[in-house]
Amino acid sequence: QANSTFISTILFSLRFSWSDSVPTAATNGTHIIINPEFWESLTKDEQIFLLLHEAWHVAFEHMLRVNERDFRLWNMACDYVINLILDKQGLKMPEGGLLDYNYDEMSSEEVYEALEQDPDQNAEHPDFVPDLQEPDETNNDAAGETSQDVSEQIKDIIIRASVRAEMTSDDPGAIPKEIKRWIDDILHPKLPWGVIL
């Protein structure tokens, strides 16, 4: 698919494993864990959607932006944003995914606020299972990674993907504005000249 260098680079930078410990699939920013039974229940197009969905969580750094928010509600907000991106590209979402064009062009934070103000919208999805995993602050997870380790790895992955997208002449719009701004801030920081002088 055209203009897919950025997200495919992110996807292929992640580690994969199969596990029954998750009902569908999940990511902590460096790994994607997939339930093999759920994977087998999907069509090929739905499998592609699932992989790209998890990769977009990484691209948006969703697992690192939770802060003090309700984790389940935050994950729902993030899913709405990602699924809109993939749906607009004509990809087939697995049954039960969250999709609402009322949230088009909104950030995850904006969708989260909208969900907070509409408890009925949250209650409509009692079976929703979060697919984000928070990095372990105590350094006790299986890979021995702290949230700082994960944050640095994600930053490296996103910047590498951005550079590759530029090299392959992907359209500028292939990377969402929200991510593009963050990349520009990292690669081209605004220096406080007053302080420096």
C-alpha atoms as a PDB file:
ATOM      1  CA  GLN A   1       0.000   0.000   0.000  1.00  0.00           C
ATOM      2  CA  ALA A   2       1.256   3.494  -0.901  1.00  0.00           C
ATOM      3  CA  ASN A   3       2.535   5.751   1.868  1.00  0.00           C
ATOM      4  CA  SER A   4       2.924   2.855   4.300  1.00  0.00           C
ATOM      5  CA  THR A   5       6.680   3.112   4.962  1.00  0.00           C
ATOM      6  CA  PHE A   6       6.269   4.937   8.277  1.00  0.00           C
ATOM      7  CA  ILE A   7       3.837   2.529   9.921  1.00  0.00           C
ATOM      8  CA  SER A   8       5.322  -0.630   8.389  1.00  0.00           C
ATOM      9  CA  THR A   9       8.786   0.375   9.675  1.00  0.00           C
ATOM     10  CA  ILE A  10       7.316   0.729  13.156  1.00  0.00           C
ATOM     11  CA  LEU A  11       5.542  -2.614  12.861  1.00  0.00           C
ATOM     12  CA  PHE A  12       8.696  -4.469  11.814  1.00  0.00           C
ATOM     13  CA  SER A  13      10.683  -2.808  14.610  1.00  0.00           C
ATOM     14  CA  LEU A  14       8.553  -4.527  17.267  1.00  0.00           C
ATOM     15  CA  ARG A  15       8.979  -7.966  18.817  1.00  0.00           C
ATOM     16  CA  PHE A  16       6.145 -10.463  18.476  1.00  0.00           C
ATOM     17  CA  SER A  17       5.006 -13.319  20.670  1.00  0.00           C
ATOM     18  CA  TRP A  18       2.021 -15.633  20.958  1.00  0.00           C
ATOM     19  CA  SER A  19       0.252 -15.941  24.298  1.00  0.00           C
ATOM     20  CA  ASP A  20      -3.072 -16.956  25.802  1.00  0.00           C
ATOM     21  CA  SER A  21      -2.492 -14.303  28.480  1.00  0.00           C
ATOM     22  CA  VAL A  22      -4.238 -11.706  26.300  1.00  0.00           C
ATOM     23  CA  PRO A  23      -7.751 -12.233  24.884  1.00  0.00           C
ATOM     24  CA  THR A  24      -6.952 -10.622  21.500  1.00  0.00           C
ATOM     25  CA  ALA A  25      -3.693  -8.672  21.117  1.00  0.00           C
ATOM     26  CA  ALA A  26      -1.770  -6.091  23.125  1.00  0.00           C
ATOM     27  CA  THR A  27       1.326  -3.914  23.048  1.00  0.00           C
ATOM     28  CA  ASN A  28       3.552  -2.239  25.618  1.00  0.00           C
ATOM     29  CA  GLY A  29       5.382  -0.174  22.999  1.00  0.00           C
ATOM     30  CA  THR A  30       8.184  -2.588  22.159  1.00  0.00           C
ATOM     31  CA  HIS A  31       6.311  -5.910  21.938  1.00  0.00           C
ATOM     32  CA  ILE A  32       3.101  -7.109  20.343  1.00  0.00           C
ATOM     33  CA  ILE A  33       1.482 -10.105  22.022  1.00  0.00           C
ATOM     34  CA  ILE A  34      -1.191 -11.960  20.067  1.00  0.00           C
ATOM     35  CA  ASN A  35      -3.613 -14.622  21.208  1.00  0.00           C
ATOM     36  CA  PRO A  36      -3.149 -17.449  18.654  1.00  0.00           C
ATOM     37  CA  GLU A  37      -6.776 -18.598  18.814  1.00  0.00           C
ATOM     38  CA  PHE A  38      -8.053 -15.076  18.203  1.00  0.00           C
ATOM     39  CA  TRP A  39      -5.555 -14.634  15.347  1.00  0.00           C
ATOM     40  CA  GLU A  40      -6.790 -17.793  13.638  1.00  0.00           C
ATOM     41  CA  SER A  41     -10.395 -16.566  13.880  1.00  0.00           C
ATOM     42  CA  LEU A  42      -9.602 -13.508  11.734  1.00  0.00           C
ATOM     43  CA  THR A  43      -9.546 -13.193   7.971  1.00  0.00           C
ATOM     44  CA  LYS A  44      -6.271 -12.118   6.334  1.00  0.00           C
ATOM     45  CA  ASP A  45      -7.571  -8.543   5.952  1.00  0.00           C
ATOM     46  CA  GLU A  46      -8.577  -8.436   9.622  1.00  0.00           C
ATOM     47  CA  GLN A  47      -5.147  -9.751  10.637  1.00  0.00           C
ATOM     48  CA  ILE A  48      -3.509  -6.881   8.725  1.00  0.00           C
ATOM     49  CA  PHE A  49      -5.842  -4.424  10.465  1.00  0.00           C
ATOM     50  CA  LEU A  50      -4.946  -5.885  13.863  1.00  0.00           C
ATOM     51  CA  LEU A  51      -1.188  -5.609  13.287  1.00  0.00           C
ATOM     52  CA  LEU A  52      -1.436  -2.040  12.027  1.00  0.00           C
ATOM     53  CA  HIS A  53      -3.753  -1.137  14.919  1.00  0.00           C
ATOM     54  CA  GLU A  54      -1.119  -2.223  17.450  1.00  0.00           C
ATOM     55  CA  ALA A  55       1.642  -0.449  15.507  1.00  0.00           C
ATOM     56  CA  TRP A  56      -0.321   2.815  15.557  1.00  0.00           C
ATOM     57  CA  HIS A  57      -0.573   2.565  19.358  1.00  0.00           C
ATOM     58  CA  VAL A  58       3.229   2.616  19.351  1.00  0.00           C
ATOM     59  CA  ALA A  59       3.434   5.453  16.805  1.00  0.00           C
ATOM     60  CA  PHE A  60       1.157   7.602  18.979  1.00  0.00           C
ATOM     61  CA  GLU A  61       2.984   6.540  22.178  1.00  0.00           C
ATOM     62  CA  HIS A  62      -0.398   5.753  23.711  1.00  0.00           C
ATOM     63  CA  MET A  63       1.019   3.570  26.478  1.00  0.00           C
ATOM     64  CA  LEU A  64       3.192   6.472  27.649  1.00  0.00           C
ATOM     65  CA  ARG A  65       0.517   9.187  27.518  1.00  0.00           C
ATOM     66  CA  VAL A  66      -1.963   7.670  29.981  1.00  0.00           C
ATOM     67  CA  ASN A  67      -0.827   9.811  32.929  1.00  0.00           C
ATOM     68  CA  GLU A  68      -3.548   9.866  35.612  1.00  0.00           C
ATOM     69  CA  ARG A  69      -6.383   8.973  33.245  1.00  0.00           C
ATOM     70  CA  ASP A  70      -8.693   5.995  33.612  1.00  0.00           C
ATOM     71  CA  PHE A  71      -6.733   3.311  31.745  1.00  0.00           C
ATOM     72  CA  ARG A  72      -9.703   1.519  30.143  1.00  0.00           C
ATOM     73  CA  LEU A  73     -11.319   4.770  28.976  1.00  0.00           C
ATOM     74  CA  TRP A  74      -7.983   6.034  27.630  1.00  0.00           C
ATOM     75  CA  ASN A  75      -7.510   2.815  25.656  1.00  0.00           C
ATOM     76  CA  MET A  76     -11.014   3.199  24.200  1.00  0.00           C
ATOM     77  CA  ALA A  77     -10.248   6.780  23.141  1.00  0.00           C
ATOM     78  CA  CYS A  78      -7.001   5.680  21.493  1.00  0.00           C
ATOM     79  CA  ASP A  79      -8.778   2.846  19.678  1.00  0.00           C
ATOM     80  CA  TYR A  80     -11.350   5.234  18.225  1.00  0.00           C
ATOM     81  CA  VAL A  81      -8.552   7.422  16.819  1.00  0.00           C
ATOM     82  CA  ILE A  82      -6.597   4.503  15.336  1.00  0.00           C
ATOM     83  CA  ASN A  83      -9.596   2.683  13.899  1.00  0.00           C
ATOM     84  CA  LEU A  84     -10.708   5.839  12.088  1.00  0.00           C
ATOM     85  CA  ILE A  85      -7.280   6.098  10.438  1.00  0.00           C
ATOM     86  CA  LEU A  86      -7.402   2.469   9.292  1.00  0.00           C
ATOM     87  CA  ASP A  87     -11.061   2.596   8.235  1.00  0.00           C
ATOM     88  CA  LYS A  88     -10.342   5.636   6.044  1.00  0.00           C
ATOM     89  CA  GLN A  89      -7.617   3.595   4.342  1.00  0.00           C
ATOM     90  CA  GLY A  90     -10.245   0.978   3.456  1.00  0.00           C
ATOM     91  CA  LEU A  91      -8.943  -1.708   5.821  1.00  0.00           C
ATOM     92  CA  LYS A  92     -11.311  -4.254   7.351  1.00  0.00           C
ATOM     93  CA  MET A  93     -11.750  -3.956  11.100  1.00  0.00           C
ATOM     94  CA  PRO A  94     -12.390  -7.131  13.135  1.00  0.00           C
ATOM     95  CA  GLU A  95     -15.862  -7.404  14.608  1.00  0.00           C
ATOM     96  CA  GLY A  96     -16.309  -5.534  17.886  1.00  0.00           C
ATOM     97  CA  GLY A  97     -13.791  -2.781  17.144  1.00  0.00           C
ATOM     98  CA  LEU A  98     -14.615   0.794  18.161  1.00  0.00           C
ATOM     99  CA  LEU A  99     -15.451   3.129  15.275  1.00  0.00           C
ATOM    100  CA  ASP A 100     -17.277   6.468  15.393  1.00  0.00           C
ATOM    101  CA  TYR A 101     -16.896   9.223  12.787  1.00  0.00           C
ATOM    102  CA  ASN A 102     -18.022  11.783  15.366  1.00  0.00           C
ATOM    103  CA  TYR A 103     -14.421  11.595  16.603  1.00  0.00           C
ATOM    104  CA  ASP A 104     -12.869  12.279  13.207  1.00  0.00           C
ATOM    105  CA  GLU A 105      -9.825  14.599  13.331  1.00  0.00           C
ATOM    106  CA  MET A 106      -9.799  14.506  17.144  1.00  0.00           C
ATOM    107  CA  SER A 107      -6.759  13.629  19.263  1.00  0.00           C
ATOM    108  CA  SER A 108      -6.865  10.791  21.780  1.00  0.00           C
ATOM    109  CA  GLU A 109      -7.065  13.370  24.580  1.00  0.00           C
ATOM    110  CA  GLU A 110     -10.071  15.046  22.940  1.00  0.00           C
ATOM    111  CA  VAL A 111     -11.844  11.723  22.441  1.00  0.00           C
ATOM    112  CA  TYR A 112     -11.089  10.802  26.060  1.00  0.00           C
ATOM    113  CA  GLU A 113     -12.730  14.018  27.289  1.00  0.00           C
ATOM    114  CA  ALA A 114     -15.758  13.346  25.088  1.00  0.00           C
ATOM    115  CA  LEU A 115     -16.080   9.818  26.505  1.00  0.00           C
ATOM    116  CA  GLU A 116     -15.756  11.147  30.046  1.00  0.00           C
ATOM    117  CA  GLN A 117     -18.642  13.518  29.417  1.00  0.00           C
ATOM    118  CA  ASP A 118     -20.805  10.753  27.943  1.00  0.00           C
ATOM    119  CA  PRO A 119     -20.980   7.828  30.412  1.00  0.00           C
ATOM    120  CA  ASP A 120     -23.514   6.076  28.158  1.00  0.00           C
ATOM    121  CA  GLN A 121     -20.899   5.782  25.401  1.00  0.00           C
ATOM    122  CA  ASN A 122     -18.565   4.007  27.828  1.00  0.00           C
ATOM    123  CA  ALA A 123     -21.348   1.728  29.077  1.00  0.00           C
ATOM    124  CA  GLU A 124     -22.194   0.680  25.512  1.00  0.00           C
ATOM    125  CA  HIS A 125     -19.012  -1.427  25.386  1.00  0.00           C
ATOM    126  CA  PRO A 126     -18.999  -3.612  28.527  1.00  0.00           C
ATOM    127  CA  ASP A 127     -16.890  -6.289  26.811  1.00  0.00           C
ATOM    128  CA  PHE A 128     -14.105  -3.917  25.787  1.00  0.00           C
ATOM    129  CA  VAL A 129     -10.711  -5.282  26.826  1.00  0.00           C
ATOM    130  CA  PRO A 130      -7.726  -2.879  26.836  1.00  0.00           C
ATOM    131  CA  ASP A 131      -4.968  -3.766  24.369  1.00  0.00           C
ATOM    132  CA  LEU A 132      -2.435  -1.369  25.863  1.00  0.00           C
ATOM    133  CA  GLN A 133       0.003  -2.512  28.513  1.00  0.00           C
ATOM    134  CA  GLU A 134       1.679   0.071  30.697  1.00  0.00           C
ATOM    135  CA  PRO A 135       5.486  -0.184  30.904  1.00  0.00           C
ATOM    136  CA  ASP A 136       6.536  -1.582  34.274  1.00  0.00           C
ATOM    137  CA  GLU A 137       7.919   1.152  36.559  1.00  0.00           C
ATOM    138  CA  THR A 138       9.419  -1.447  38.922  1.00  0.00           C
ATOM    139  CA  ASN A 139      11.573  -3.158  36.291  1.00  0.00           C
ATOM    140  CA  ASN A 140       9.929  -6.500  37.066  1.00  0.00           C
ATOM    141  CA  ASP A 141       8.393  -7.298  33.698  1.00  0.00           C
ATOM    142  CA  ALA A 142       9.549 -10.239  31.629  1.00  0.00           C
ATOM    143  CA  ALA A 143      11.900  -8.208  29.452  1.00  0.00           C
ATOM    144  CA  GLY A 144      13.339  -6.272  32.387  1.00  0.00           C
ATOM    145  CA  GLU A 145      12.369  -2.915  30.852  1.00  0.00           C
ATOM    146  CA  THR A 146      11.414   0.198  32.792  1.00  0.00           C
ATOM    147  CA  SER A 147       9.056   2.816  31.398  1.00  0.00           C
ATOM    148  CA  GLN A 148      12.121   4.978  30.644  1.00  0.00           C
ATOM    149  CA  ASP A 149      13.686   2.127  28.610  1.00  0.00           C
ATOM    150  CA  VAL A 150      10.447   1.669  26.680  1.00  0.00           C
ATOM    151  CA  SER A 151      10.093   5.412  26.116  1.00  0.00           C
ATOM    152  CA  GLU A 152      13.590   5.653  24.629  1.00  0.00           C
ATOM    153  CA  GLN A 153      13.058   2.597  22.419  1.00  0.00           C
ATOM    154  CA  ILE A 154       9.745   3.955  21.123  1.00  0.00           C
ATOM    155  CA  LYS A 155      11.332   7.331  20.375  1.00  0.00           C
ATOM    156  CA  ASP A 156      14.097   5.607  18.382  1.00  0.00           C
ATOM    157  CA  ILE A 157      11.578   3.489  16.469  1.00  0.00           C
ATOM    158  CA  ILE A 158       9.415   6.490  15.541  1.00  0.00           C
ATOM    159  CA  ILE A 159      12.335   8.636  14.403  1.00  0.00           C
ATOM    160  CA  ARG A 160      13.792   5.780  12.332  1.00  0.00           C
ATOM    161  CA  ALA A 161      10.372   5.226  10.721  1.00  0.00           C
ATOM    162  CA  SER A 162      10.059   8.937   9.974  1.00  0.00           C
ATOM    163  CA  VAL A 163      13.475   9.044   8.285  1.00  0.00           C
ATOM    164  CA  ARG A 164      12.648   5.982   6.163  1.00  0.00           C
ATOM    165  CA  ALA A 165       9.305   7.501   5.143  1.00  0.00           C
ATOM    166  CA  GLU A 166      11.141  10.629   3.999  1.00  0.00           C
ATOM    167  CA  MET A 167      13.696   8.570   2.048  1.00  0.00           C
ATOM    168  CA  THR A 168      10.961   6.676   0.198  1.00  0.00           C
ATOM    169  CA  SER A 169       9.067   9.894  -0.583  1.00  0.00           C
ATOM    170  CA  ASP A 170       5.885   9.008   1.279  1.00  0.00           C
ATOM    171  CA  ASP A 171       3.345  11.828   1.113  1.00  0.00           C
ATOM    172  CA  PRO A 172       3.745  14.255   4.050  1.00  0.00           C
ATOM    173  CA  GLY A 173       0.186  13.363   5.106  1.00  0.00           C
ATOM    174  CA  ALA A 174       1.159   9.709   5.638  1.00  0.00           C
ATOM    175  CA  ILE A 175       2.269  10.649   9.152  1.00  0.00           C
ATOM    176  CA  PRO A 176      -0.528  12.193  11.261  1.00  0.00           C
ATOM    177  CA  LYS A 177       0.012  15.846  12.204  1.00  0.00           C
ATOM    178  CA  GLU A 178       0.110  15.031  15.912  1.00  0.00           C
ATOM    179  CA  ILE A 179       3.060  12.652  15.408  1.00  0.00           C
ATOM    180  CA  LYS A 180       4.734  14.911  12.840  1.00  0.00           C
ATOM    181  CA  ARG A 181       4.776  17.813  15.330  1.00  0.00           C
ATOM    182  CA  TRP A 182       6.367  15.584  17.977  1.00  0.00           C
ATOM    183  CA  ILE A 183       9.035  14.351  15.526  1.00  0.00           C
ATOM    184  CA  ASP A 184       9.794  17.921  14.423  1.00  0.00           C
ATOM    185  CA  ASP A 185      10.216  18.988  18.058  1.00  0.00           C
ATOM    186  CA  ILE A 186      12.696  16.144  18.629  1.00  0.00           C
ATOM    187  CA  LEU A 187      14.691  16.600  15.417  1.00  0.00           C
ATOM    188  CA  HIS A 188      14.462  20.398  15.229  1.00  0.00           C
ATOM    189  CA  PRO A 189      14.122  21.703  18.792  1.00  0.00           C
ATOM    190  CA  LYS A 190      13.373  25.366  19.311  1.00  0.00           C
ATOM    191  CA  LEU A 191      16.436  26.623  21.154  1.00  0.00           C
ATOM    192  CA  PRO A 192      15.994  29.203  23.942  1.00  0.00           C
ATOM    193  CA  TRP A 193      18.431  31.711  22.466  1.00  0.00           C
ATOM    194  CA  GLY A 194      17.924  34.161  25.295  1.00  0.00           C
ATOM    195  CA  VAL A 195      19.058  31.576  27.825  1.00  0.00           C
ATOM    196  CA  ILE A 196      21.912  30.299  25.622  1.00  0.00           C
ATOM    197  CA  LEU A 197      23.308  33.816  25.068  1.00  0.00           C
END
